[in-house]
Amino acid sequence: MPNGATWVERAAMGELRAVISPTASDRGNDFHHAVHVFAATVALRNYRQGPRIIDFGCGTGWFVRFFADKGLAVFRTEITFDMLADA
């Protein structure tokens, strides 16, 4: 049995705590988030396939909104209903 909060419990924790780490410091979550945003920005700069992408395990939808704000249609997938409801 896994330790820590379930995905349903994490969904209620808010953006970064839900998808990165519910027990890390805000500074730690902010750092990991900044790395992910940098990677997404680089990926977007090099993406040439069309106006649609898939976000597997979209969590609360932060990157769904990130890519949608850049004009892409984002198909989102998530196995936890509570996370998908936020997305």
Protein backbone atom coordinates (compact mmCIF):
# COMPACT_ATOMS: atom_id res chain seq x y z
CA MET A 1 0.00 0.00 0.00
CA PRO A 2 1.48 3.41 -0.94
CA ASN A 3 2.36 5.94 1.73
CA GLY A 4 1.05 9.49 1.74
CA ALA A 5 -2.00 11.14 0.32
CA THR A 6 -4.08 9.45 -2.35
CA TRP A 7 -4.54 11.18 -5.69
CA VAL A 8 -8.08 12.08 -4.66
CA GLU A 9 -6.73 13.75 -1.51
CA ARG A 10 -3.97 15.45 -3.47
CA ALA A 11 -6.48 16.91 -5.91
CA ALA A 12 -7.89 19.03 -3.08
CA MET A 13 -4.44 20.41 -2.17
CA GLY A 14 -4.13 22.86 -5.06
CA GLU A 15 -1.96 23.07 -8.14
CA LEU A 16 1.64 22.36 -7.16
CA ARG A 17 1.02 20.38 -3.99
CA ALA A 18 -1.41 18.16 -5.89
CA VAL A 19 0.83 17.24 -8.78
CA ILE A 20 4.42 17.68 -7.58
CA SER A 21 4.67 16.97 -3.85
CA PRO A 22 2.18 17.43 -1.06
CA THR A 23 4.98 17.31 1.53
CA ALA A 24 7.69 19.42 -0.13
CA SER A 25 8.25 23.04 0.74
CA ASP A 26 6.66 25.71 -1.43
CA ARG A 27 10.18 26.63 -2.54
CA GLY A 28 10.88 23.03 -3.61
CA ASN A 29 7.60 22.77 -5.50
CA ASP A 30 8.19 26.16 -7.13
CA PHE A 31 11.65 25.04 -8.28
CA HIS A 32 10.35 21.79 -9.80
CA HIS A 33 7.50 23.69 -11.41
CA ALA A 34 9.91 26.20 -12.95
CA VAL A 35 11.92 23.33 -14.47
CA HIS A 36 8.72 21.89 -15.96
CA VAL A 37 7.67 25.27 -17.36
CA PHE A 38 11.10 25.70 -18.94
CA ALA A 39 10.86 22.24 -20.53
CA ALA A 40 7.33 22.95 -21.80
CA THR A 41 8.48 26.26 -23.27
CA VAL A 42 11.37 24.58 -25.10
CA ALA A 43 9.05 21.81 -26.32
CA LEU A 44 6.55 24.36 -27.56
CA ARG A 45 9.26 26.27 -29.40
CA ASN A 46 10.25 23.06 -31.22
CA TYR A 47 6.74 21.70 -31.75
CA ARG A 48 5.78 21.71 -35.42
CA GLN A 49 3.09 19.04 -35.73
CA GLY A 50 -0.11 21.05 -35.61
CA PRO A 51 -2.59 22.73 -33.30
CA ARG A 52 -3.32 19.72 -31.04
CA ILE A 53 -1.42 17.94 -28.29
CA ILE A 54 -2.19 15.29 -25.66
CA ASP A 55 -1.43 15.81 -21.98
CA PHE A 56 -1.17 12.35 -20.41
CA GLY A 57 -1.75 12.52 -16.67
CA CYS A 58 -2.82 16.16 -16.79
CA GLY A 59 -3.36 16.41 -13.04
CA THR A 60 -5.14 19.64 -12.17
CA GLY A 61 -4.60 20.99 -15.68
CA TRP A 62 -1.84 23.55 -15.26
CA PHE A 63 -0.14 22.53 -18.49
CA VAL A 64 -3.49 22.14 -20.23
CA ARG A 65 -4.02 25.86 -19.61
CA PHE A 66 -0.38 26.67 -20.43
CA PHE A 67 -0.63 25.11 -23.90
CA ALA A 68 -4.20 26.31 -24.50
CA ASP A 69 -3.05 29.87 -23.80
CA LYS A 70 -0.51 29.35 -26.61
CA GLY A 71 -3.32 28.48 -29.04
CA LEU A 72 -3.14 24.70 -28.95
CA ALA A 73 -6.11 22.39 -28.49
CA VAL A 74 -5.20 20.05 -25.64
CA PHE A 75 -6.69 16.60 -25.20
CA ARG A 76 -6.32 15.76 -21.53
CA THR A 77 -6.21 12.40 -19.84
CA GLU A 78 -6.21 11.60 -16.13
CA ILE A 79 -7.13 8.51 -14.13
CA THR A 80 -8.23 10.43 -11.05
CA PHE A 81 -11.66 12.00 -11.53
CA ASP A 82 -11.02 14.70 -8.91
CA MET A 83 -7.85 15.83 -10.73
CA LEU A 84 -9.63 15.82 -14.09
CA ALA A 85 -12.52 17.83 -12.62
CA ASP A 86 -10.00 20.55 -11.69
CA ALA A 87 -8.44 20.38 -15.12
